[in-house]
Amino acid sequence: MMRLLVRVVLVALFTFLPLPIIVVAISSLTASGYFTVPLQSLSLRWYLEFFTDEQWLHLLAISAILAVVVALLSTTIALLAALVIDRYRFAGRGVFESLIMFPLVFPNAALGVAFLGLLGLLNISGTYLGIALAHVIITLPFAYRPILNSLRKLDPVMEEASMSLGATPWQVLRTVTLPMIRPGLISAFLFCFIVSFDEATITVFLIAPDVNTLPVRILTQIQESASPVIAAIATFLIALTISIVFLLERTVGLELFAAPERGR
């Protein structure tokens, strides 16, 4: 009886979870200027409006470029941090690793307020540089975990063999270590891209009249009107995110985000 109850609860849960996404996707296909159930007719007019509106496309391009830059920076920083954690033993090693993972602990609203004060002190509040810095910090845990797991699965014999043949540490890193941890690097980059590209809760604290991103614009547009174009944009972003996650799972897998094994 208990097993049956658990199965019913799980089925109900996994049936309910995708319902908001399905509703958003359906509402983006309405032909009218508002959402009705059932739909009177289907239309792609709101997708056409999105892809022909210069303002929306401008914000889409800005968000994509910002996400690429953030993903590159986060992956690079996470690689350096993972190399230090994996290869060296030093006092405060656990504290250093905890600091990297801290953004996962704090609520996004609290982080937004904290970043607003910090960027104000640095005089870069309301700039894309400030937003990029905040995004790097919040995406760092998503880059650090898969890279660290990849390093801890790496056979040290390969690196030792290269060094015994006269390779310098830089050559070993470039020709042996990086190619062998490529799945971790790809996972780190793609997840950082997703998190940065979709981030709105923290970013809303950091924008300015002439500095904005697509997710924040969607958030503010919802407060102003309920145009189905928002549903079309949201559906596009959901489809993009699911496609990237599916590509990641099919190419390198998601097991690299599991808890890393203890150091060798």
C-alpha atoms as a PDB file:
ATOM      1  CA  MET A   1       0.000   0.000   0.000  1.00  0.00           C
ATOM      2  CA  MET A   2       2.835   2.363   0.882  1.00  0.00           C
ATOM      3  CA  ARG A   3       4.612   1.661  -2.418  1.00  0.00           C
ATOM      4  CA  LEU A   4       1.414   2.381  -4.334  1.00  0.00           C
ATOM      5  CA  LEU A   5       0.982   5.663  -2.470  1.00  0.00           C
ATOM      6  CA  VAL A   6       4.569   6.674  -3.202  1.00  0.00           C
ATOM      7  CA  ARG A   7       4.110   5.887  -6.900  1.00  0.00           C
ATOM      8  CA  VAL A   8       0.881   7.907  -7.051  1.00  0.00           C
ATOM      9  CA  VAL A   9       2.584  10.873  -5.381  1.00  0.00           C
ATOM     10  CA  LEU A  10       5.570  10.666  -7.750  1.00  0.00           C
ATOM     11  CA  VAL A  11       3.348  10.412 -10.825  1.00  0.00           C
ATOM     12  CA  ALA A  12       1.265  13.372  -9.635  1.00  0.00           C
ATOM     13  CA  LEU A  13       4.416  15.375  -8.899  1.00  0.00           C
ATOM     14  CA  PHE A  14       6.090  14.758 -12.248  1.00  0.00           C
ATOM     15  CA  THR A  15       2.792  15.397 -14.025  1.00  0.00           C
ATOM     16  CA  PHE A  16       2.314  18.716 -12.246  1.00  0.00           C
ATOM     17  CA  LEU A  17       5.879  20.028 -12.647  1.00  0.00           C
ATOM     18  CA  PRO A  18       5.792  20.528 -16.447  1.00  0.00           C
ATOM     19  CA  LEU A  19       2.277  22.021 -16.427  1.00  0.00           C
ATOM     20  CA  PRO A  20       3.420  25.681 -16.106  1.00  0.00           C
ATOM     21  CA  ILE A  21       5.787  25.202 -19.045  1.00  0.00           C
ATOM     22  CA  ILE A  22       3.020  23.607 -21.115  1.00  0.00           C
ATOM     23  CA  VAL A  23       0.630  26.463 -20.301  1.00  0.00           C
ATOM     24  CA  VAL A  24       3.234  29.062 -21.289  1.00  0.00           C
ATOM     25  CA  ALA A  25       3.977  27.236 -24.552  1.00  0.00           C
ATOM     26  CA  ILE A  26       0.271  26.993 -25.426  1.00  0.00           C
ATOM     27  CA  SER A  27      -0.400  30.635 -24.566  1.00  0.00           C
ATOM     28  CA  SER A  28       2.405  31.710 -26.915  1.00  0.00           C
ATOM     29  CA  LEU A  29       0.421  30.274 -29.834  1.00  0.00           C
ATOM     30  CA  THR A  30      -2.731  32.317 -29.340  1.00  0.00           C
ATOM     31  CA  ALA A  31      -3.790  34.544 -32.192  1.00  0.00           C
ATOM     32  CA  SER A  32      -5.448  37.125 -29.943  1.00  0.00           C
ATOM     33  CA  GLY A  33      -3.808  39.712 -27.726  1.00  0.00           C
ATOM     34  CA  TYR A  34      -4.596  37.752 -24.576  1.00  0.00           C
ATOM     35  CA  PHE A  35      -4.663  34.155 -23.444  1.00  0.00           C
ATOM     36  CA  THR A  36      -7.929  32.225 -23.412  1.00  0.00           C
ATOM     37  CA  VAL A  37      -8.759  28.572 -22.742  1.00  0.00           C
ATOM     38  CA  PRO A  38      -9.434  26.886 -25.065  1.00  0.00           C
ATOM     39  CA  LEU A  39      -7.508  28.712 -27.776  1.00  0.00           C
ATOM     40  CA  GLN A  40      -9.792  30.109 -30.455  1.00  0.00           C
ATOM     41  CA  SER A  41      -7.081  29.783 -33.111  1.00  0.00           C
ATOM     42  CA  LEU A  42      -3.369  29.076 -33.372  1.00  0.00           C
ATOM     43  CA  SER A  43      -0.847  31.586 -34.631  1.00  0.00           C
ATOM     44  CA  LEU A  44       2.904  32.292 -34.629  1.00  0.00           C
ATOM     45  CA  ARG A  45       2.363  36.061 -34.637  1.00  0.00           C
ATOM     46  CA  TRP A  46       4.007  36.547 -31.241  1.00  0.00           C
ATOM     47  CA  TYR A  47       7.123  34.631 -32.262  1.00  0.00           C
ATOM     48  CA  LEU A  48       7.240  36.746 -35.408  1.00  0.00           C
ATOM     49  CA  GLU A  49       6.924  39.890 -33.296  1.00  0.00           C
ATOM     50  CA  PHE A  50       9.783  38.764 -31.074  1.00  0.00           C
ATOM     51  CA  PHE A  51      12.134  37.912 -33.937  1.00  0.00           C
ATOM     52  CA  THR A  52      11.354  41.127 -35.844  1.00  0.00           C
ATOM     53  CA  ASP A  53      11.476  43.560 -32.908  1.00  0.00           C
ATOM     54  CA  GLU A  54      14.860  45.293 -32.756  1.00  0.00           C
ATOM     55  CA  GLN A  55      14.638  45.975 -29.024  1.00  0.00           C
ATOM     56  CA  TRP A  56      13.996  42.345 -28.118  1.00  0.00           C
ATOM     57  CA  LEU A  57      16.714  41.120 -30.495  1.00  0.00           C
ATOM     58  CA  HIS A  58      19.144  43.681 -29.080  1.00  0.00           C
ATOM     59  CA  LEU A  59      18.539  42.407 -25.544  1.00  0.00           C
ATOM     60  CA  LEU A  60      18.801  38.808 -26.773  1.00  0.00           C
ATOM     61  CA  ALA A  61      22.195  39.554 -28.315  1.00  0.00           C
ATOM     62  CA  ILE A  62      23.405  41.366 -25.187  1.00  0.00           C
ATOM     63  CA  SER A  63      22.314  38.509 -22.922  1.00  0.00           C
ATOM     64  CA  ALA A  64      23.971  35.926 -25.180  1.00  0.00           C
ATOM     65  CA  ILE A  65      27.268  37.853 -25.398  1.00  0.00           C
ATOM     66  CA  LEU A  66      27.241  38.476 -21.654  1.00  0.00           C
ATOM     67  CA  ALA A  67      26.584  34.782 -20.975  1.00  0.00           C
ATOM     68  CA  VAL A  68      29.454  33.704 -23.254  1.00  0.00           C
ATOM     69  CA  VAL A  69      31.901  36.097 -21.565  1.00  0.00           C
ATOM     70  CA  VAL A  70      30.749  35.021 -18.100  1.00  0.00           C
ATOM     71  CA  ALA A  71      30.992  31.336 -19.021  1.00  0.00           C
ATOM     72  CA  LEU A  72      34.558  31.773 -20.314  1.00  0.00           C
ATOM     73  CA  LEU A  73      35.661  33.686 -17.206  1.00  0.00           C
ATOM     74  CA  SER A  74      33.937  31.325 -14.763  1.00  0.00           C
ATOM     75  CA  THR A  75      35.333  28.240 -16.474  1.00  0.00           C
ATOM     76  CA  THR A  76      38.854  29.664 -16.440  1.00  0.00           C
ATOM     77  CA  ILE A  77      38.682  30.718 -12.790  1.00  0.00           C
ATOM     78  CA  ALA A  78      37.096  27.399 -11.791  1.00  0.00           C
ATOM     79  CA  LEU A  79      39.849  25.514 -13.632  1.00  0.00           C
ATOM     80  CA  LEU A  80      42.557  27.373 -11.728  1.00  0.00           C
ATOM     81  CA  ALA A  81      40.740  26.873  -8.407  1.00  0.00           C
ATOM     82  CA  ALA A  82      40.175  23.174  -9.079  1.00  0.00           C
ATOM     83  CA  LEU A  83      43.852  22.683  -9.956  1.00  0.00           C
ATOM     84  CA  VAL A  84      44.879  24.311  -6.670  1.00  0.00           C
ATOM     85  CA  ILE A  85      42.401  22.255  -4.621  1.00  0.00           C
ATOM     86  CA  ASP A  86      43.241  18.975  -6.362  1.00  0.00           C
ATOM     87  CA  ARG A  87      47.020  19.287  -6.543  1.00  0.00           C
ATOM     88  CA  TYR A  88      48.000  21.082  -3.324  1.00  0.00           C
ATOM     89  CA  ARG A  89      47.435  20.591   0.390  1.00  0.00           C
ATOM     90  CA  PHE A  90      47.404  23.825   2.401  1.00  0.00           C
ATOM     91  CA  ALA A  91      45.841  25.343   5.499  1.00  0.00           C
ATOM     92  CA  GLY A  92      42.378  26.743   4.827  1.00  0.00           C
ATOM     93  CA  ARG A  93      41.800  24.465   1.853  1.00  0.00           C
ATOM     94  CA  GLY A  94      38.288  23.612   3.055  1.00  0.00           C
ATOM     95  CA  VAL A  95      37.454  27.273   3.657  1.00  0.00           C
ATOM     96  CA  PHE A  96      38.674  28.163   0.166  1.00  0.00           C
ATOM     97  CA  GLU A  97      36.438  25.503  -1.373  1.00  0.00           C
ATOM     98  CA  SER A  98      33.467  26.612   0.762  1.00  0.00           C
ATOM     99  CA  LEU A  99      33.867  30.200  -0.448  1.00  0.00           C
ATOM    100  CA  ILE A 100      33.565  29.010  -4.038  1.00  0.00           C
ATOM    101  CA  MET A 101      30.287  27.218  -3.243  1.00  0.00           C
ATOM    102  CA  PHE A 102      28.837  30.037  -1.086  1.00  0.00           C
ATOM    103  CA  PRO A 103      26.621  31.546  -3.839  1.00  0.00           C
ATOM    104  CA  LEU A 104      24.531  28.356  -3.747  1.00  0.00           C
ATOM    105  CA  VAL A 105      23.696  28.931  -0.077  1.00  0.00           C
ATOM    106  CA  PHE A 106      22.454  32.523  -0.054  1.00  0.00           C
ATOM    107  CA  PRO A 107      19.047  33.598  -1.436  1.00  0.00           C
ATOM    108  CA  ASN A 108      19.266  35.395  -4.759  1.00  0.00           C
ATOM    109  CA  ALA A 109      17.580  38.504  -3.374  1.00  0.00           C
ATOM    110  CA  ALA A 110      20.198  38.749  -0.611  1.00  0.00           C
ATOM    111  CA  LEU A 111      22.963  38.301  -3.172  1.00  0.00           C
ATOM    112  CA  GLY A 112      21.419  41.024  -5.323  1.00  0.00           C
ATOM    113  CA  VAL A 113      21.493  43.518  -2.453  1.00  0.00           C
ATOM    114  CA  ALA A 114      25.054  42.501  -1.560  1.00  0.00           C
ATOM    115  CA  PHE A 115      26.246  42.895  -5.154  1.00  0.00           C
ATOM    116  CA  LEU A 116      24.513  46.268  -5.399  1.00  0.00           C
ATOM    117  CA  GLY A 117      26.517  47.553  -2.441  1.00  0.00           C
ATOM    118  CA  LEU A 118      29.778  45.963  -3.586  1.00  0.00           C
ATOM    119  CA  LEU A 119      29.540  47.236  -7.157  1.00  0.00           C
ATOM    120  CA  GLY A 120      28.629  50.669  -5.826  1.00  0.00           C
ATOM    121  CA  LEU A 121      31.867  50.714  -3.818  1.00  0.00           C
ATOM    122  CA  LEU A 122      33.770  49.700  -6.964  1.00  0.00           C
ATOM    123  CA  ASN A 123      31.925  52.401  -8.949  1.00  0.00           C
ATOM    124  CA  ILE A 124      30.723  49.914 -11.571  1.00  0.00           C
ATOM    125  CA  SER A 125      27.092  49.651 -10.489  1.00  0.00           C
ATOM    126  CA  GLY A 126      24.663  49.878 -13.388  1.00  0.00           C
ATOM    127  CA  THR A 127      27.211  48.655 -15.944  1.00  0.00           C
ATOM    128  CA  TYR A 128      27.582  45.461 -17.933  1.00  0.00           C
ATOM    129  CA  LEU A 129      30.981  45.009 -16.286  1.00  0.00           C
ATOM    130  CA  GLY A 130      29.293  44.944 -12.890  1.00  0.00           C
ATOM    131  CA  ILE A 131      26.634  42.491 -14.088  1.00  0.00           C
ATOM    132  CA  ALA A 132      29.334  40.261 -15.579  1.00  0.00           C
ATOM    133  CA  LEU A 133      31.284  40.283 -12.303  1.00  0.00           C
ATOM    134  CA  ALA A 134      28.180  39.297 -10.332  1.00  0.00           C
ATOM    135  CA  HIS A 135      27.332  36.547 -12.821  1.00  0.00           C
ATOM    136  CA  VAL A 136      30.861  35.151 -12.642  1.00  0.00           C
ATOM    137  CA  ILE A 137      30.556  34.797  -8.878  1.00  0.00           C
ATOM    138  CA  ILE A 138      27.152  33.097  -8.955  1.00  0.00           C
ATOM    139  CA  THR A 139      28.107  30.733 -11.810  1.00  0.00           C
ATOM    140  CA  LEU A 140      31.471  29.748 -10.351  1.00  0.00           C
ATOM    141  CA  PRO A 141      30.067  26.770  -8.365  1.00  0.00           C
ATOM    142  CA  PHE A 142      28.497  25.365 -11.550  1.00  0.00           C
ATOM    143  CA  ALA A 143      31.900  25.446 -13.257  1.00  0.00           C
ATOM    144  CA  TYR A 144      33.971  24.298 -10.294  1.00  0.00           C
ATOM    145  CA  ARG A 145      32.169  21.021  -9.545  1.00  0.00           C
ATOM    146  CA  PRO A 146      32.426  19.302 -12.988  1.00  0.00           C
ATOM    147  CA  ILE A 147      36.022  20.458 -13.493  1.00  0.00           C
ATOM    148  CA  LEU A 148      37.086  19.186 -10.065  1.00  0.00           C
ATOM    149  CA  ASN A 149      35.374  15.852 -10.700  1.00  0.00           C
ATOM    150  CA  SER A 150      37.137  15.557 -14.049  1.00  0.00           C
ATOM    151  CA  LEU A 151      40.519  16.245 -12.426  1.00  0.00           C
ATOM    152  CA  ARG A 152      39.910  13.639  -9.731  1.00  0.00           C
ATOM    153  CA  LYS A 153      39.032  11.040 -12.355  1.00  0.00           C
ATOM    154  CA  LEU A 154      42.214  11.808 -14.275  1.00  0.00           C
ATOM    155  CA  ASP A 155      44.909   9.123 -14.190  1.00  0.00           C
ATOM    156  CA  PRO A 156      48.044  10.852 -12.773  1.00  0.00           C
ATOM    157  CA  VAL A 157      50.255   8.336 -14.572  1.00  0.00           C
ATOM    158  CA  MET A 158      49.640  10.133 -17.875  1.00  0.00           C
ATOM    159  CA  GLU A 159      50.913  13.423 -16.492  1.00  0.00           C
ATOM    160  CA  GLU A 160      53.862  11.769 -14.757  1.00  0.00           C
ATOM    161  CA  ALA A 161      54.821  10.019 -17.993  1.00  0.00           C
ATOM    162  CA  SER A 162      54.787  13.320 -19.876  1.00  0.00           C
ATOM    163  CA  MET A 163      56.974  14.997 -17.267  1.00  0.00           C
ATOM    164  CA  SER A 164      59.403  12.080 -17.282  1.00  0.00           C
ATOM    165  CA  LEU A 165      59.825  12.622 -21.024  1.00  0.00           C
ATOM    166  CA  GLY A 166      60.881  16.211 -20.421  1.00  0.00           C
ATOM    167  CA  ALA A 167      57.600  18.116 -20.739  1.00  0.00           C
ATOM    168  CA  THR A 168      57.280  21.288 -18.696  1.00  0.00           C
ATOM    169  CA  PRO A 169      54.303  21.743 -16.321  1.00  0.00           C
ATOM    170  CA  TRP A 170      52.710  24.122 -18.839  1.00  0.00           C
ATOM    171  CA  GLN A 171      53.138  21.606 -21.654  1.00  0.00           C
ATOM    172  CA  VAL A 172      51.624  18.858 -19.497  1.00  0.00           C
ATOM    173  CA  LEU A 173      48.642  21.079 -18.708  1.00  0.00           C
ATOM    174  CA  ARG A 174      48.135  22.086 -22.335  1.00  0.00           C
ATOM    175  CA  THR A 175      48.708  18.751 -24.067  1.00  0.00           C
ATOM    176  CA  VAL A 176      47.638  16.183 -21.458  1.00  0.00           C
ATOM    177  CA  THR A 177      45.504  17.593 -18.632  1.00  0.00           C
ATOM    178  CA  LEU A 178      43.191  19.921 -20.565  1.00  0.00           C
ATOM    179  CA  PRO A 179      42.373  17.431 -23.369  1.00  0.00           C
ATOM    180  CA  MET A 180      41.614  14.704 -20.813  1.00  0.00           C
ATOM    181  CA  ILE A 181      39.266  16.904 -18.754  1.00  0.00           C
ATOM    182  CA  ARG A 182      37.511  18.334 -21.815  1.00  0.00           C
ATOM    183  CA  PRO A 183      34.096  16.888 -20.773  1.00  0.00           C
ATOM    184  CA  GLY A 184      34.323  18.771 -17.478  1.00  0.00           C
ATOM    185  CA  LEU A 185      35.275  21.993 -19.248  1.00  0.00           C
ATOM    186  CA  ILE A 186      32.383  21.655 -21.706  1.00  0.00           C
ATOM    187  CA  SER A 187      29.925  20.946 -18.890  1.00  0.00           C
ATOM    188  CA  ALA A 188      31.206  23.922 -16.913  1.00  0.00           C
ATOM    189  CA  PHE A 189      30.961  26.304 -19.859  1.00  0.00           C
ATOM    190  CA  LEU A 190      27.454  25.267 -20.924  1.00  0.00           C
ATOM    191  CA  PHE A 191      25.972  25.346 -17.438  1.00  0.00           C
ATOM    192  CA  CYS A 192      27.538  28.724 -16.708  1.00  0.00           C
ATOM    193  CA  PHE A 193      26.083  29.981 -19.990  1.00  0.00           C
ATOM    194  CA  ILE A 194      22.606  28.734 -19.042  1.00  0.00           C
ATOM    195  CA  VAL A 195      22.698  30.212 -15.531  1.00  0.00           C
ATOM    196  CA  SER A 196      23.987  33.589 -16.715  1.00  0.00           C
ATOM    197  CA  PHE A 197      21.687  33.787 -19.738  1.00  0.00           C
ATOM    198  CA  ASP A 198      18.548  33.046 -17.668  1.00  0.00           C
ATOM    199  CA  GLU A 199      19.479  35.049 -14.538  1.00  0.00           C
ATOM    200  CA  ALA A 200      17.010  37.791 -13.576  1.00  0.00           C
ATOM    201  CA  THR A 201      16.529  37.864  -9.786  1.00  0.00           C
ATOM    202  CA  ILE A 202      20.021  39.175  -9.009  1.00  0.00           C
ATOM    203  CA  THR A 203      20.455  41.145 -12.226  1.00  0.00           C
ATOM    204  CA  VAL A 204      17.347  43.239 -11.569  1.00  0.00           C
ATOM    205  CA  PHE A 205      19.261  44.940  -8.728  1.00  0.00           C
ATOM    206  CA  LEU A 206      22.175  45.816 -11.023  1.00  0.00           C
ATOM    207  CA  ILE A 207      20.608  47.276 -14.161  1.00  0.00           C
ATOM    208  CA  ALA A 208      20.388  50.908 -15.230  1.00  0.00           C
ATOM    209  CA  PRO A 209      18.125  52.774 -17.692  1.00  0.00           C
ATOM    210  CA  ASP A 210      20.503  51.990 -20.565  1.00  0.00           C
ATOM    211  CA  VAL A 211      21.836  48.696 -19.181  1.00  0.00           C
ATOM    212  CA  ASN A 212      19.472  45.729 -19.291  1.00  0.00           C
ATOM    213  CA  THR A 213      19.219  42.029 -20.128  1.00  0.00           C
ATOM    214  CA  LEU A 214      16.516  39.944 -21.769  1.00  0.00           C
ATOM    215  CA  PRO A 215      15.351  38.061 -18.617  1.00  0.00           C
ATOM    216  CA  VAL A 216      15.066  41.296 -16.620  1.00  0.00           C
ATOM    217  CA  ARG A 217      13.154  42.952 -19.454  1.00  0.00           C
ATOM    218  CA  ILE A 218      10.745  40.008 -19.475  1.00  0.00           C
ATOM    219  CA  LEU A 219      10.269  40.372 -15.735  1.00  0.00           C
ATOM    220  CA  THR A 220       9.471  44.074 -15.962  1.00  0.00           C
ATOM    221  CA  GLN A 221       7.288  43.612 -19.049  1.00  0.00           C
ATOM    222  CA  ILE A 222       5.121  41.103 -17.167  1.00  0.00           C
ATOM    223  CA  GLN A 223       4.419  43.784 -14.568  1.00  0.00           C
ATOM    224  CA  GLU A 224       3.406  46.270 -17.254  1.00  0.00           C
ATOM    225  CA  SER A 225       1.306  44.041 -19.525  1.00  0.00           C
ATOM    226  CA  ALA A 226       0.349  40.432 -20.181  1.00  0.00           C
ATOM    227  CA  SER A 227       1.191  40.374 -23.875  1.00  0.00           C
ATOM    228  CA  PRO A 228       1.545  36.845 -25.303  1.00  0.00           C
ATOM    229  CA  VAL A 229       4.899  37.927 -26.772  1.00  0.00           C
ATOM    230  CA  ILE A 230       6.300  37.328 -23.277  1.00  0.00           C
ATOM    231  CA  ALA A 231       5.042  33.746 -23.441  1.00  0.00           C
ATOM    232  CA  ALA A 232       6.673  33.354 -26.856  1.00  0.00           C
ATOM    233  CA  ILE A 233      10.020  34.633 -25.563  1.00  0.00           C
ATOM    234  CA  ALA A 234       9.767  32.464 -22.447  1.00  0.00           C
ATOM    235  CA  THR A 235       9.012  29.406 -24.565  1.00  0.00           C
ATOM    236  CA  PHE A 236      12.006  30.179 -26.763  1.00  0.00           C
ATOM    237  CA  LEU A 237      14.287  30.471 -23.710  1.00  0.00           C
ATOM    238  CA  ILE A 238      12.918  27.258 -22.204  1.00  0.00           C
ATOM    239  CA  ALA A 239      13.459  25.409 -25.471  1.00  0.00           C
ATOM    240  CA  LEU A 240      17.002  26.780 -25.712  1.00  0.00           C
ATOM    241  CA  THR A 241      17.824  25.722 -22.145  1.00  0.00           C
ATOM    242  CA  ILE A 242      16.364  22.231 -22.591  1.00  0.00           C
ATOM    243  CA  SER A 243      18.270  21.823 -25.862  1.00  0.00           C
ATOM    244  CA  ILE A 244      21.581  22.745 -24.222  1.00  0.00           C
ATOM    245  CA  VAL A 245      20.975  20.401 -21.277  1.00  0.00           C
ATOM    246  CA  PHE A 246      19.975  17.591 -23.674  1.00  0.00           C
ATOM    247  CA  LEU A 247      23.096  18.220 -25.773  1.00  0.00           C
ATOM    248  CA  LEU A 248      25.209  18.172 -22.622  1.00  0.00           C
ATOM    249  CA  GLU A 249      23.688  14.908 -21.455  1.00  0.00           C
ATOM    250  CA  ARG A 250      24.141  13.245 -24.848  1.00  0.00           C
ATOM    251  CA  THR A 251      27.748  14.373 -25.291  1.00  0.00           C
ATOM    252  CA  VAL A 252      29.493  14.389 -21.899  1.00  0.00           C
ATOM    253  CA  GLY A 253      26.763  13.407 -19.407  1.00  0.00           C
ATOM    254  CA  LEU A 254      25.606  15.064 -16.193  1.00  0.00           C
ATOM    255  CA  GLU A 255      27.337  12.749 -13.728  1.00  0.00           C
ATOM    256  CA  LEU A 256      30.190  15.245 -13.398  1.00  0.00           C
ATOM    257  CA  PHE A 257      27.887  17.367 -11.221  1.00  0.00           C
ATOM    258  CA  ALA A 258      27.712  14.630  -8.585  1.00  0.00           C
ATOM    259  CA  ALA A 259      29.671  15.073  -5.368  1.00  0.00           C
ATOM    260  CA  PRO A 260      33.387  14.721  -6.126  1.00  0.00           C
ATOM    261  CA  GLU A 261      35.414  11.890  -4.707  1.00  0.00           C
ATOM    262  CA  ARG A 262      37.860  12.676  -1.980  1.00  0.00           C
ATOM    263  CA  GLY A 263      41.306  13.670  -3.105  1.00  0.00           C
ATOM    264  CA  ARG A 264      43.842  11.029  -3.952  1.00  0.00           C
END
